[in-house]
Each structure stands twice: as structure tokens, then as C-alpha cells.
PDB file of N, CA and C in Angstrom:
ATOM      1  N   UNK A   1     133.182  46.170 277.406  1.00  0.00           N
ATOM      2  CA  UNK A   1     133.060  47.193 277.072  1.00  0.00           C
ATOM      3  C   UNK A   1     133.575  47.815 276.003  1.00  0.00           C
ATOM      4  N   UNK A   2     132.493  48.493 275.332  1.00  0.00           N
ATOM      5  CA  UNK A   2     132.737  48.590 274.040  1.00  0.00           C
ATOM      6  C   UNK A   2     134.565  49.765 274.448  1.00  0.00           C
ATOM      7  N   UNK A   3     134.699  50.087 272.398  1.00  0.00           N
ATOM      8  CA  UNK A   3     136.136  50.236 272.321  1.00  0.00           C
ATOM      9  C   UNK A   3     135.975  51.563 272.425  1.00  0.00           C
ATOM     10  N   UNK A   4     135.072  52.135 272.128  1.00  0.00           N
ATOM     11  CA  UNK A   4     134.891  53.983 272.646  1.00  0.00           C
ATOM     12  C   UNK A   4     134.778  54.266 274.545  1.00  0.00           C
ATOM     13  N   UNK A   5     134.296  53.470 274.842  1.00  0.00           N
ATOM     14  CA  UNK A   5     133.813  53.108 276.530  1.00  0.00           C
ATOM     15  C   UNK A   5     135.346  53.557 276.934  1.00  0.00           C
ATOM     16  N   UNK A   6     136.081  52.493 276.525  1.00  0.00           N
ATOM     17  CA  UNK A   6     137.790  51.559 276.486  1.00  0.00           C
ATOM     18  C   UNK A   6     138.447  53.055 276.627  1.00  0.00           C
ATOM     19  N   UNK A   7     138.049  54.316 275.217  1.00  0.00           N
ATOM     20  CA  UNK A   7     138.837  54.871 274.948  1.00  0.00           C
ATOM     21  C   UNK A   7     138.608  56.196 276.195  1.00  0.00           C
ATOM     22  N   UNK A   8     137.518  55.687 277.202  1.00  0.00           N
ATOM     23  CA  UNK A   8     136.646  57.105 278.129  1.00  0.00           C
ATOM     24  C   UNK A   8     137.317  56.841 279.041  1.00  0.00           C
ATOM     25  N   UNK A   9     137.741  55.257 279.334  1.00  0.00           N
ATOM     26  CA  UNK A   9     137.963  54.737 280.568  1.00  0.00           C
ATOM     27  C   UNK A   9     139.517  55.076 280.819  1.00  0.00           C
ATOM     28  N   UNK A  10     140.161  54.632 279.533  1.00  0.00           N
ATOM     29  CA  UNK A  10     142.045  55.712 279.856  1.00  0.00           C
ATOM     30  C   UNK A  10     142.251  56.436 280.054  1.00  0.00           C
ATOM     31  N   UNK A  11     141.241  57.613 279.450  1.00  0.00           N
ATOM     32  CA  UNK A  11     141.321  59.124 279.384  1.00  0.00           C
ATOM     33  C   UNK A  11     141.073  59.696 280.973  1.00  0.00           C
ATOM     34  N   UNK A  12     140.383  58.777 281.315  1.00  0.00           N
ATOM     35  CA  UNK A  12     140.678  59.352 282.602  1.00  0.00           C
ATOM     36  C   UNK A  12     141.373  58.752 283.688  1.00  0.00           C
ATOM     37  N   UNK A  13     141.548  58.042 283.321  1.00  0.00           N
ATOM     38  CA  UNK A  13     143.051  57.240 284.214  1.00  0.00           C
ATOM     39  C   UNK A  13     144.174  58.375 283.038  1.00  0.00           C
ATOM     40  N   UNK A  14     144.134  59.709 282.512  1.00  0.00           N
ATOM     41  CA  UNK A  14     144.791  60.379 282.602  1.00  0.00           C
ATOM     42  C   UNK A  14     146.400  59.726 281.333  1.00  0.00           C
ATOM     43  N   UNK A  15     145.536  59.116 280.730  1.00  0.00           N
ATOM     44  CA  UNK A  15     146.526  58.447 279.456  1.00  0.00           C
ATOM     45  C   UNK A  15     145.933  59.487 278.234  1.00  0.00           C
ATOM     46  N   UNK A  16     147.042  59.701 277.854  1.00  0.00           N
ATOM     47  CA  UNK A  16     147.113  60.873 276.825  1.00  0.00           C
ATOM     48  C   UNK A  16     146.532  60.308 275.415  1.00  0.00           C
ATOM     49  N   UNK A  17     145.818  60.392 274.446  1.00  0.00           N
ATOM     50  CA  UNK A  17     145.979  60.739 273.208  1.00  0.00           C
ATOM     51  C   UNK A  17     147.211  60.954 272.221  1.00  0.00           C
ATOM     52  N   UNK A  18     147.814  59.289 271.129  1.00  0.00           N
ATOM     53  CA  UNK A  18     149.107  60.072 270.550  1.00  0.00           C
ATOM     54  C   UNK A  18     148.922  59.659 269.312  1.00  0.00           C
ATOM     55  N   UNK A  19     149.058  60.399 268.236  1.00  0.00           N
ATOM     56  CA  UNK A  19     148.811  59.734 267.004  1.00  0.00           C
ATOM     57  C   UNK A  19     149.167  58.678 265.598  1.00  0.00           C
ATOM     58  N   UNK A  20     149.069  58.042 265.401  1.00  0.00           N
ATOM     59  CA  UNK A  20     150.224  56.942 264.956  1.00  0.00           C
ATOM     60  C   UNK A  20     149.053  55.713 263.692  1.00  0.00           C
ATOM     61  N   UNK A  21     149.107  56.137 262.817  1.00  0.00           N
ATOM     62  CA  UNK A  21     149.019  55.421 261.585  1.00  0.00           C
ATOM     63  C   UNK A  21     148.724  54.023 262.067  1.00  0.00           C
ATOM     64  N   UNK A  22     149.606  53.543 262.238  1.00  0.00           N
ATOM     65  CA  UNK A  22     150.084  52.279 262.208  1.00  0.00           C
ATOM     66  C   UNK A  22     149.207  51.471 263.280  1.00  0.00           C
ATOM     67  N   UNK A  23     148.830  52.584 264.911  1.00  0.00           N
ATOM     68  CA  UNK A  23     148.116  51.691 265.595  1.00  0.00           C
ATOM     69  C   UNK A  23     147.200  51.301 265.604  1.00  0.00           C
ATOM     70  N   UNK A  24     146.113  50.834 266.262  1.00  0.00           N
ATOM     71  CA  UNK A  24     145.027  49.781 266.389  1.00  0.00           C
ATOM     72  C   UNK A  24     143.758  52.007 265.986  1.00  0.00           C
ATOM     73  N   UNK A  25     142.886  52.128 264.757  1.00  0.00           N
ATOM     74  CA  UNK A  25     142.723  53.209 265.011  1.00  0.00           C
ATOM     75  C   UNK A  25     143.241  54.459 265.083  1.00  0.00           C
ATOM     76  N   UNK A  26     144.638  54.247 264.258  1.00  0.00           N
ATOM     77  CA  UNK A  26     145.085  55.441 264.383  1.00  0.00           C
ATOM     78  C   UNK A  26     145.675  56.644 265.341  1.00  0.00           C
ATOM     79  N   UNK A  27     145.141  55.770 266.149  1.00  0.00           N
ATOM     80  CA  UNK A  27     146.536  55.974 267.799  1.00  0.00           C
ATOM     81  C   UNK A  27     146.419  55.177 268.990  1.00  0.00           C
ATOM     82  N   UNK A  28     147.215  55.770 269.966  1.00  0.00           N
ATOM     83  CA  UNK A  28     147.454  54.862 271.132  1.00  0.00           C
ATOM     84  C   UNK A  28     147.063  55.649 271.797  1.00  0.00           C
ATOM     85  N   UNK A  29     146.979  55.539 273.250  1.00  0.00           N
ATOM     86  CA  UNK A  29     146.543  55.821 274.692  1.00  0.00           C
ATOM     87  C   UNK A  29     148.575  55.697 275.309  1.00  0.00           C
ATOM     88  N   UNK A  30     148.664  56.937 276.274  1.00  0.00           N
ATOM     89  CA  UNK A  30     149.516  56.704 276.805  1.00  0.00           C
ATOM     90  C   UNK A  30     149.958  57.308 278.336  1.00  0.00           C
ATOM     91  N   UNK A  31     151.077  57.488 279.297  1.00  0.00           N
ATOM     92  CA  UNK A  31     150.701  57.183 280.452  1.00  0.00           C
ATOM     93  C   UNK A  31     151.825  57.190 281.380  1.00  0.00           C
ATOM     94  N   UNK A  32     152.756  57.984 281.697  1.00  0.00           N
ATOM     95  CA  UNK A  32     154.107  57.252 282.027  1.00  0.00           C
ATOM     96  C   UNK A  32     155.213  56.415 281.198  1.00  0.00           C
ATOM     97  N   UNK A  33     154.800  56.570 279.962  1.00  0.00           N
ATOM     98  CA  UNK A  33     155.505  55.757 279.204  1.00  0.00           C
ATOM     99  C   UNK A  33     155.335  54.297 278.971  1.00  0.00           C
ATOM    100  N   UNK A  34     153.541  54.144 279.389  1.00  0.00           N
ATOM    101  CA  UNK A  34     153.022  52.383 279.322  1.00  0.00           C
ATOM    102  C   UNK A  34     151.949  53.389 278.480  1.00  0.00           C
ATOM    103  N   UNK A  35     152.033  52.006 277.628  1.00  0.00           N
ATOM    104  CA  UNK A  35     150.814  51.736 276.639  1.00  0.00           C
ATOM    105  C   UNK A  35     149.310  51.498 276.914  1.00  0.00           C
ATOM    106  N   UNK A  36     148.004  51.827 276.821  1.00  0.00           N
ATOM    107  CA  UNK A  36     147.215  51.263 277.511  1.00  0.00           C
ATOM    108  C   UNK A  36     146.449  50.022 276.102  1.00  0.00           C
ATOM    109  N   UNK A  37     146.180  49.293 277.195  1.00  0.00           N
ATOM    110  CA  UNK A  37     145.586  48.052 275.836  1.00  0.00           C
ATOM    111  C   UNK A  37     144.086  47.780 276.230  1.00  0.00           C
ATOM    112  N   UNK A  38     143.895  47.977 274.331  1.00  0.00           N
ATOM    113  CA  UNK A  38     142.222  48.005 274.490  1.00  0.00           C
ATOM    114  C   UNK A  38     141.349  46.437 274.793  1.00  0.00           C
ATOM    115  N   UNK A  39     142.333  45.426 274.372  1.00  0.00           N
ATOM    116  CA  UNK A  39     142.098  43.964 273.686  1.00  0.00           C
ATOM    117  C   UNK A  39     143.679  43.388 273.631  1.00  0.00           C
ATOM    118  N   UNK A  40     143.818  42.691 274.524  1.00  0.00           N
ATOM    119  CA  UNK A  40     145.068  41.924 274.540  1.00  0.00           C
ATOM    120  C   UNK A  40     145.172  40.976 273.748  1.00  0.00           C
ATOM    121  N   UNK A  41     144.494  40.003 273.747  1.00  0.00           N
ATOM    122  CA  UNK A  41     144.506  38.652 272.752  1.00  0.00           C
ATOM    123  C   UNK A  41     144.595  39.396 271.100  1.00  0.00           C
ATOM    124  N   UNK A  42     143.808  40.637 270.822  1.00  0.00           N
ATOM    125  CA  UNK A  42     144.114  41.181 269.133  1.00  0.00           C
ATOM    126  C   UNK A  42     145.569  41.992 269.129  1.00  0.00           C
ATOM    127  N   UNK A  43     146.087  42.098 270.498  1.00  0.00           N
ATOM    128  CA  UNK A  43     147.266  43.020 270.419  1.00  0.00           C
ATOM    129  C   UNK A  43     148.479  41.684 270.416  1.00  0.00           C
ATOM    130  N   UNK A  44     148.242  41.031 271.592  1.00  0.00           N
ATOM    131  CA  UNK A  44     149.334  39.852 271.057  1.00  0.00           C
ATOM    132  C   UNK A  44     149.639  39.535 269.490  1.00  0.00           C
ATOM    133  N   UNK A  45     148.042  38.920 268.952  1.00  0.00           N
ATOM    134  CA  UNK A  45     148.509  38.591 267.609  1.00  0.00           C
ATOM    135  C   UNK A  45     149.343  39.414 266.737  1.00  0.00           C
ATOM    136  N   UNK A  46     148.646  40.738 266.755  1.00  0.00           N
ATOM    137  CA  UNK A  46     149.373  41.954 265.945  1.00  0.00           C
ATOM    138  C   UNK A  46     150.686  41.751 266.342  1.00  0.00           C
ATOM    139  N   UNK A  47     151.123  41.673 266.549  1.00  0.00           N
ATOM    140  CA  UNK A  47     152.953  41.862 267.414  1.00  0.00           C
ATOM    141  C   UNK A  47     153.281  40.765 267.536  1.00  0.00           C
ATOM    142  N   UNK A  48     153.065  39.448 268.008  1.00  0.00           N
ATOM    143  CA  UNK A  48     153.420  38.018 267.249  1.00  0.00           C
ATOM    144  C   UNK A  48     153.796  38.219 268.766  1.00  0.00           C
ATOM    145  N   UNK A  49     153.070  38.523 269.843  1.00  0.00           N
ATOM    146  CA  UNK A  49     153.852  38.115 271.363  1.00  0.00           C
ATOM    147  C   UNK A  49     153.264  36.862 271.582  1.00  0.00           C
ATOM    148  N   UNK A  50     154.116  35.775 272.730  1.00  0.00           N
ATOM    149  CA  UNK A  50     152.859  34.958 272.901  1.00  0.00           C
ATOM    150  C   UNK A  50     152.606  35.216 274.667  1.00  0.00           C
ATOM    151  N   UNK A  51     153.230  36.325 275.389  1.00  0.00           N
ATOM    152  CA  UNK A  51     153.393  36.305 277.101  1.00  0.00           C
ATOM    153  C   UNK A  51     153.080  37.520 277.317  1.00  0.00           C
ATOM    154  N   UNK A  52     152.320  38.521 278.415  1.00  0.00           N
ATOM    155  CA  UNK A  52     152.278  39.181 278.966  1.00  0.00           C
ATOM    156  C   UNK A  52     153.400  39.378 279.058  1.00  0.00           C
ATOM    157  N   UNK A  53     154.425  38.986 279.525  1.00  0.00           N
ATOM    158  CA  UNK A  53     155.793  39.451 280.027  1.00  0.00           C
ATOM    159  C   UNK A  53     156.483  40.112 278.651  1.00  0.00           C
ATOM    160  N   UNK A  54     156.206  39.548 277.690  1.00  0.00           N
ATOM    161  CA  UNK A  54     156.482  40.152 276.162  1.00  0.00           C
ATOM    162  C   UNK A  54     155.828  41.671 275.787  1.00  0.00           C
ATOM    163  N   UNK A  55     154.782  42.167 276.054  1.00  0.00           N
ATOM    164  CA  UNK A  55     154.138  43.486 276.378  1.00  0.00           C
ATOM    165  C   UNK A  55     154.540  43.956 277.298  1.00  0.00           C
ATOM    166  N   UNK A  56     154.539  43.491 277.986  1.00  0.00           N
ATOM    167  CA  UNK A  56     155.393  44.352 279.239  1.00  0.00           C
ATOM    168  C   UNK A  56     157.190  45.023 278.950  1.00  0.00           C
ATOM    169  N   UNK A  57     157.227  44.048 278.494  1.00  0.00           N
ATOM    170  CA  UNK A  57     158.346  44.444 277.776  1.00  0.00           C
ATOM    171  C   UNK A  57     159.072  45.699 277.047  1.00  0.00           C
ATOM    172  N   UNK A  58     158.057  45.773 276.210  1.00  0.00           N
ATOM    173  CA  UNK A  58     156.985  46.792 275.335  1.00  0.00           C
ATOM    174  C   UNK A  58     156.575  47.691 276.074  1.00  0.00           C
ATOM    175  N   UNK A  59     156.651  48.050 276.770  1.00  0.00           N
ATOM    176  CA  UNK A  59     155.790  49.422 277.729  1.00  0.00           C
ATOM    177  C   UNK A  59     153.899  49.294 277.822  1.00  0.00           C
ATOM    178  N   UNK A  60     153.849  47.571 277.456  1.00  0.00           N
ATOM    179  CA  UNK A  60     152.446  48.093 277.606  1.00  0.00           C
ATOM    180  C   UNK A  60     151.926  47.588 278.946  1.00  0.00           C
ATOM    181  N   UNK A  61     150.049  48.728 279.010  1.00  0.00           N
ATOM    182  CA  UNK A  61     150.279  48.608 280.714  1.00  0.00           C
ATOM    183  C   UNK A  61     149.210  47.084 281.111  1.00  0.00           C
ATOM    184  N   UNK A  62     150.012  46.176 281.283  1.00  0.00           N
ATOM    185  CA  UNK A  62     149.418  44.803 281.070  1.00  0.00           C
ATOM    186  C   UNK A  62     148.629  44.811 282.853  1.00  0.00           C
ATOM    187  N   UNK A  63     149.009  45.739 283.556  1.00  0.00           N
ATOM    188  CA  UNK A  63     148.037  45.684 284.969  1.00  0.00           C
ATOM    189  C   UNK A  63     147.092  46.170 284.663  1.00  0.00           C
ATOM    190  N   UNK A  64     147.253  47.692 284.188  1.00  0.00           N
ATOM    191  CA  UNK A  64     145.836  47.858 283.862  1.00  0.00           C
ATOM    192  C   UNK A  64     144.624  47.306 282.886  1.00  0.00           C
ATOM    193  N   UNK A  65     144.727  46.894 281.918  1.00  0.00           N
ATOM    194  CA  UNK A  65     144.385  45.751 281.925  1.00  0.00           C
ATOM    195  C   UNK A  65     144.000  44.581 282.233  1.00  0.00           C
ATOM    196  N   UNK A  66     144.398  44.256 282.687  1.00  0.00           N
ATOM    197  CA  UNK A  66     143.322  42.838 283.859  1.00  0.00           C
ATOM    198  C   UNK A  66     142.509  43.473 285.145  1.00  0.00           C
ATOM    199  N   UNK A  67     142.933  44.729 285.202  1.00  0.00           N
ATOM    200  CA  UNK A  67     142.062  45.434 286.148  1.00  0.00           C
ATOM    201  C   UNK A  67     140.946  45.748 285.711  1.00  0.00           C
ATOM    202  N   UNK A  68     140.646  46.143 284.954  1.00  0.00           N
ATOM    203  CA  UNK A  68     139.364  46.571 283.855  1.00  0.00           C
ATOM    204  C   UNK A  68     139.363  46.232 283.018  1.00  0.00           C
ATOM    205  N   UNK A  69     139.509  44.888 282.415  1.00  0.00           N
ATOM    206  CA  UNK A  69     139.060  44.212 281.255  1.00  0.00           C
ATOM    207  C   UNK A  69     137.709  43.697 281.345  1.00  0.00           C
ATOM    208  N   UNK A  70     137.344  43.433 282.354  1.00  0.00           N
ATOM    209  CA  UNK A  70     135.785  42.276 282.974  1.00  0.00           C
ATOM    210  C   UNK A  70     134.936  43.400 282.786  1.00  0.00           C
ATOM    211  N   UNK A  71     135.052  45.329 282.610  1.00  0.00           N
ATOM    212  CA  UNK A  71     133.773  46.058 282.656  1.00  0.00           C
ATOM    213  C   UNK A  71     132.954  45.861 281.917  1.00  0.00           C
ATOM    214  N   UNK A  72     132.268  46.495 282.097  1.00  0.00           N
ATOM    215  CA  UNK A  72     131.098  47.098 281.536  1.00  0.00           C
ATOM    216  C   UNK A  72     130.591  48.391 281.148  1.00  0.00           C
ATOM    217  N   UNK A  73     129.929  48.518 280.232  1.00  0.00           N
ATOM    218  CA  UNK A  73     130.486  49.732 279.521  1.00  0.00           C
ATOM    219  C   UNK A  73     129.541  50.865 280.689  1.00  0.00           C
ATOM    220  N   UNK A  74     128.324  49.879 281.830  1.00  0.00           N
ATOM    221  CA  UNK A  74     127.532  50.784 282.512  1.00  0.00           C
ATOM    222  C   UNK A  74     128.270  51.603 284.260  1.00  0.00           C
ATOM    223  N   UNK A  75     129.420  49.975 283.926  1.00  0.00           N
ATOM    224  CA  UNK A  75     130.630  50.329 285.375  1.00  0.00           C
ATOM    225  C   UNK A  75     131.668  51.164 285.049  1.00  0.00           C
ATOM    226  N   UNK A  76     132.577  51.585 283.899  1.00  0.00           N
ATOM    227  CA  UNK A  76     132.782  52.913 283.300  1.00  0.00           C
ATOM    228  C   UNK A  76     132.016  54.151 284.334  1.00  0.00           C
ATOM    229  N   UNK A  77     131.010  54.457 283.272  1.00  0.00           N
ATOM    230  CA  UNK A  77     130.489  54.992 283.148  1.00  0.00           C
ATOM    231  C   UNK A  77     130.642  55.237 284.941  1.00  0.00           C
ATOM    232  N   UNK A  78     129.628  54.358 285.686  1.00  0.00           N
ATOM    233  CA  UNK A  78     129.711  54.362 287.649  1.00  0.00           C
ATOM    234  C   UNK A  78     131.222  55.385 287.744  1.00  0.00           C
ATOM    235  N   UNK A  79     132.602  54.504 287.099  1.00  0.00           N
ATOM    236  CA  UNK A  79     133.979  55.095 288.275  1.00  0.00           C
ATOM    237  C   UNK A  79     133.639  56.416 287.437  1.00  0.00           C
ATOM    238  N   UNK A  80     133.706  57.245 286.340  1.00  0.00           N
ATOM    239  CA  UNK A  80     133.910  58.001 285.663  1.00  0.00           C
ATOM    240  C   UNK A  80     133.118  59.399 286.209  1.00  0.00           C
ATOM    241  N   UNK A  81     132.136  58.646 286.717  1.00  0.00           N
ATOM    242  CA  UNK A  81     130.591  60.374 286.638  1.00  0.00           C
ATOM    243  C   UNK A  81     131.088  59.862 288.666  1.00  0.00           C
ATOM    244  N   UNK A  82     131.677  59.010 290.058  1.00  0.00           N
ATOM    245  CA  UNK A  82     131.627  58.941 291.069  1.00  0.00           C
ATOM    246  C   UNK A  82     133.346  59.802 290.893  1.00  0.00           C
ATOM    247  N   UNK A  83     133.996  59.746 290.007  1.00  0.00           N
ATOM    248  CA  UNK A  83     135.493  60.441 290.223  1.00  0.00           C
ATOM    249  C   UNK A  83     135.278  61.928 289.918  1.00  0.00           C
ATOM    250  N   UNK A  84     134.918  61.945 288.682  1.00  0.00           N
ATOM    251  CA  UNK A  84     133.892  63.228 288.821  1.00  0.00           C
ATOM    252  C   UNK A  84     133.437  64.498 289.220  1.00  0.00           C
ATOM    253  N   UNK A  85     132.863  63.670 289.890  1.00  0.00           N
ATOM    254  CA  UNK A  85     131.402  64.429 291.080  1.00  0.00           C
ATOM    255  C   UNK A  85     132.992  65.050 292.209  1.00  0.00           C
ATOM    256  N   UNK A  86     133.917  64.254 292.415  1.00  0.00           N
ATOM    257  CA  UNK A  86     134.507  64.637 293.525  1.00  0.00           C
ATOM    258  C   UNK A  86     135.983  65.528 293.580  1.00  0.00           C
ATOM    259  N   UNK A  87     136.244  65.151 291.635  1.00  0.00           N
ATOM    260  CA  UNK A  87     137.564  65.184 291.419  1.00  0.00           C
ATOM    261  C   UNK A  87     138.002  66.833 291.640  1.00  0.00           C
ATOM    262  N   UNK A  88     139.027  67.507 291.019  1.00  0.00           N
ATOM    263  CA  UNK A  88     139.576  68.769 290.844  1.00  0.00           C
ATOM    264  C   UNK A  88     140.207  68.982 289.524  1.00  0.00           C
ATOM    265  N   UNK A  89     140.792  68.017 289.292  1.00  0.00           N
ATOM    266  CA  UNK A  89     142.328  67.397 288.252  1.00  0.00           C
ATOM    267  C   UNK A  89     142.052  66.008 287.554  1.00  0.00           C
ATOM    268  N   UNK A  90     141.711  66.910 286.147  1.00  0.00           N
ATOM    269  CA  UNK A  90     140.992  65.186 285.568  1.00  0.00           C
ATOM    270  C   UNK A  90     142.545  63.894 285.582  1.00  0.00           C
ATOM    271  N   UNK A  91     142.598  62.814 285.826  1.00  0.00           N
ATOM    272  CA  UNK A  91     143.526  61.566 285.633  1.00  0.00           C
ATOM    273  C   UNK A  91     144.429  61.914 287.134  1.00  0.00           C
ATOM    274  N   UNK A  92     144.234  63.037 287.773  1.00  0.00           N
ATOM    275  CA  UNK A  92     145.092  63.197 289.255  1.00  0.00           C
ATOM    276  C   UNK A  92     143.709  62.786 290.353  1.00  0.00           C
ATOM    277  N   UNK A  93     144.814  62.121 291.276  1.00  0.00           N
ATOM    278  CA  UNK A  93     144.287  61.943 292.663  1.00  0.00           C
ATOM    279  C   UNK A  93     143.494  63.063 293.623  1.00  0.00           C
ATOM    280  N   UNK A  94     142.339  62.035 294.543  1.00  0.00           N
ATOM    281  CA  UNK A  94     141.711  63.315 294.606  1.00  0.00           C
ATOM    282  C   UNK A  94     142.276  63.169 296.235  1.00  0.00           C
ATOM    283  N   UNK A  95     142.345  64.524 297.200  1.00  0.00           N
ATOM    284  CA  UNK A  95     142.661  64.692 298.852  1.00  0.00           C
ATOM    285  C   UNK A  95     140.392  64.505 299.195  1.00  0.00           C
ATOM    286  N   UNK A  96     140.576  62.744 300.116  1.00  0.00           N
ATOM    287  CA  UNK A  96     139.014  62.592 300.916  1.00  0.00           C
ATOM    288  C   UNK A  96     139.516  63.127 301.862  1.00  0.00           C
ATOM    289  N   UNK A  97     140.006  62.596 302.794  1.00  0.00           N
ATOM    290  CA  UNK A  97     140.503  63.286 303.835  1.00  0.00           C
ATOM    291  C   UNK A  97     141.197  61.879 304.946  1.00  0.00           C
ATOM    292  N   UNK A  98     141.719  62.389 305.999  1.00  0.00           N
ATOM    293  CA  UNK A  98     142.251  62.100 307.363  1.00  0.00           C
ATOM    294  C   UNK A  98     143.294  61.433 305.574  1.00  0.00           C
ATOM    295  N   UNK A  99     144.556  62.292 305.465  1.00  0.00           N
ATOM    296  CA  UNK A  99     145.686  61.785 304.260  1.00  0.00           C
ATOM    297  C   UNK A  99     145.246  60.724 303.804  1.00  0.00           C
ATOM    298  N   UNK A 100     144.135  60.290 302.569  1.00  0.00           N
ATOM    299  CA  UNK A 100     143.755  59.480 302.395  1.00  0.00           C
ATOM    300  C   UNK A 100     143.123  59.806 300.725  1.00  0.00           C
ATOM    301  N   UNK A 101     143.843  59.575 299.511  1.00  0.00           N
ATOM    302  CA  UNK A 101     143.665  59.873 298.668  1.00  0.00           C
ATOM    303  C   UNK A 101     142.535  59.069 297.421  1.00  0.00           C
ATOM    304  N   UNK A 102     142.060  59.254 296.400  1.00  0.00           N
ATOM    305  CA  UNK A 102     141.166  58.490 296.182  1.00  0.00           C
ATOM    306  C   UNK A 102     142.155  58.943 294.025  1.00  0.00           C
ATOM    307  N   UNK A 103     142.452  57.529 293.357  1.00  0.00           N
ATOM    308  CA  UNK A 103     143.111  58.050 291.910  1.00  0.00           C
ATOM    309  C   UNK A 103     141.578  57.244 291.717  1.00  0.00           C
ATOM    310  N   UNK A 104     141.971  57.805 290.119  1.00  0.00           N
ATOM    311  CA  UNK A 104     141.049  57.555 288.589  1.00  0.00           C
ATOM    312  C   UNK A 104     140.165  56.240 289.113  1.00  0.00           C
ATOM    313  N   UNK A 105     141.842  55.436 289.361  1.00  0.00           N
ATOM    314  CA  UNK A 105     140.765  54.054 288.861  1.00  0.00           C
ATOM    315  C   UNK A 105     140.385  53.545 289.823  1.00  0.00           C
ATOM    316  N   UNK A 106     139.746  54.340 290.750  1.00  0.00           N
ATOM    317  CA  UNK A 106     138.947  53.758 292.101  1.00  0.00           C
ATOM    318  C   UNK A 106     139.628  53.178 293.761  1.00  0.00           C
ATOM    319  N   UNK A 107     141.081  53.908 293.312  1.00  0.00           N
ATOM    320  CA  UNK A 107     141.730  52.196 294.703  1.00  0.00           C
ATOM    321  C   UNK A 107     142.153  53.379 295.069  1.00  0.00           C
ATOM    322  N   UNK A 108     142.265  53.450 296.621  1.00  0.00           N
ATOM    323  CA  UNK A 108     141.701  54.736 297.759  1.00  0.00           C
ATOM    324  C   UNK A 108     144.188  54.470 298.081  1.00  0.00           C
ATOM    325  N   UNK A 109     144.527  55.464 298.504  1.00  0.00           N
ATOM    326  CA  UNK A 109     145.623  55.776 298.877  1.00  0.00           C
ATOM    327  C   UNK A 109     146.088  56.558 300.251  1.00  0.00           C
ATOM    328  N   UNK A 110     146.947  55.268 301.499  1.00  0.00           N
ATOM    329  CA  UNK A 110     146.195  56.388 302.766  1.00  0.00           C
ATOM    330  C   UNK A 110     148.001  57.374 302.461  1.00  0.00           C
ATOM    331  N   UNK A 111     148.695  58.344 302.838  1.00  0.00           N
ATOM    332  CA  UNK A 111     149.632  59.022 302.422  1.00  0.00           C
ATOM    333  C   UNK A 111     150.048  59.605 303.674  1.00  0.00           C
ATOM    334  N   UNK A 112     149.056  59.187 304.443  1.00  0.00           N
ATOM    335  CA  UNK A 112     149.736  59.597 307.006  1.00  0.00           C
ATOM    336  C   UNK A 112     150.609  59.493 307.306  1.00  0.00           C
ATOM    337  N   UNK A 113     151.589  58.434 306.525  1.00  0.00           N
ATOM    338  CA  UNK A 113     153.074  58.339 307.038  1.00  0.00           C
ATOM    339  C   UNK A 113     153.524  58.800 306.385  1.00  0.00           C
TER     340      UNK A 113
END
């Protein structure tokens, strides 16, 4: 996916924009103290990091990166469209039925227990 679509995906997941002149394109996106990654190889190169563990120790959201890095622009559009069509609060889980919640990333959570 391209950079702009990547930003849309981060925002759909509840990440907030933080202005920072030293960051790529002058800003980064953060949620729960984790920083969204747009392109992991470029980030590692810029930081001189050689492993994912180093990025994790710097509060980068490596898990989300690997979950979505193969998405196309069209896949992001579809995910956001479905989520926005049924949700009431952007970035928050949406109740479906019988204790099941849909998260912005498309995962389901069973809260019946």
C-alpha cells in the first residue's frame, strides 16, 4: 500500500498524529505508547537497528506492521469501509452480538467470559 493509505490504516486503528520534524514526513502516529511503522527496512536503516527486537524496545509497533504490510490500497479501503459502516466510535471495538466485538484491525474478540 502507498504511504497515504498506510496513514489511513493507522488512523483507523486509533493511532494519533504527532508532529515531529525529525520523523519521516514530519510526523509519526502513536497509540498506547507504540509507534506505527510505515516501512520497517527504512526505519531500521535510519535508526541503525538490526532486529525487530530493537524496534520493539524503542516502542515501535512491529506486530501491526507484519499484520498489514502486505495489504494493498484496495484491501485497506475495504477494511475501513466495513468497519466505518458498523461502528459508532472510530478506533474503538464495535459490538456485534452475543459478546463478540469487532476491532478496527478486523479481529474478533469474544467477551462472553
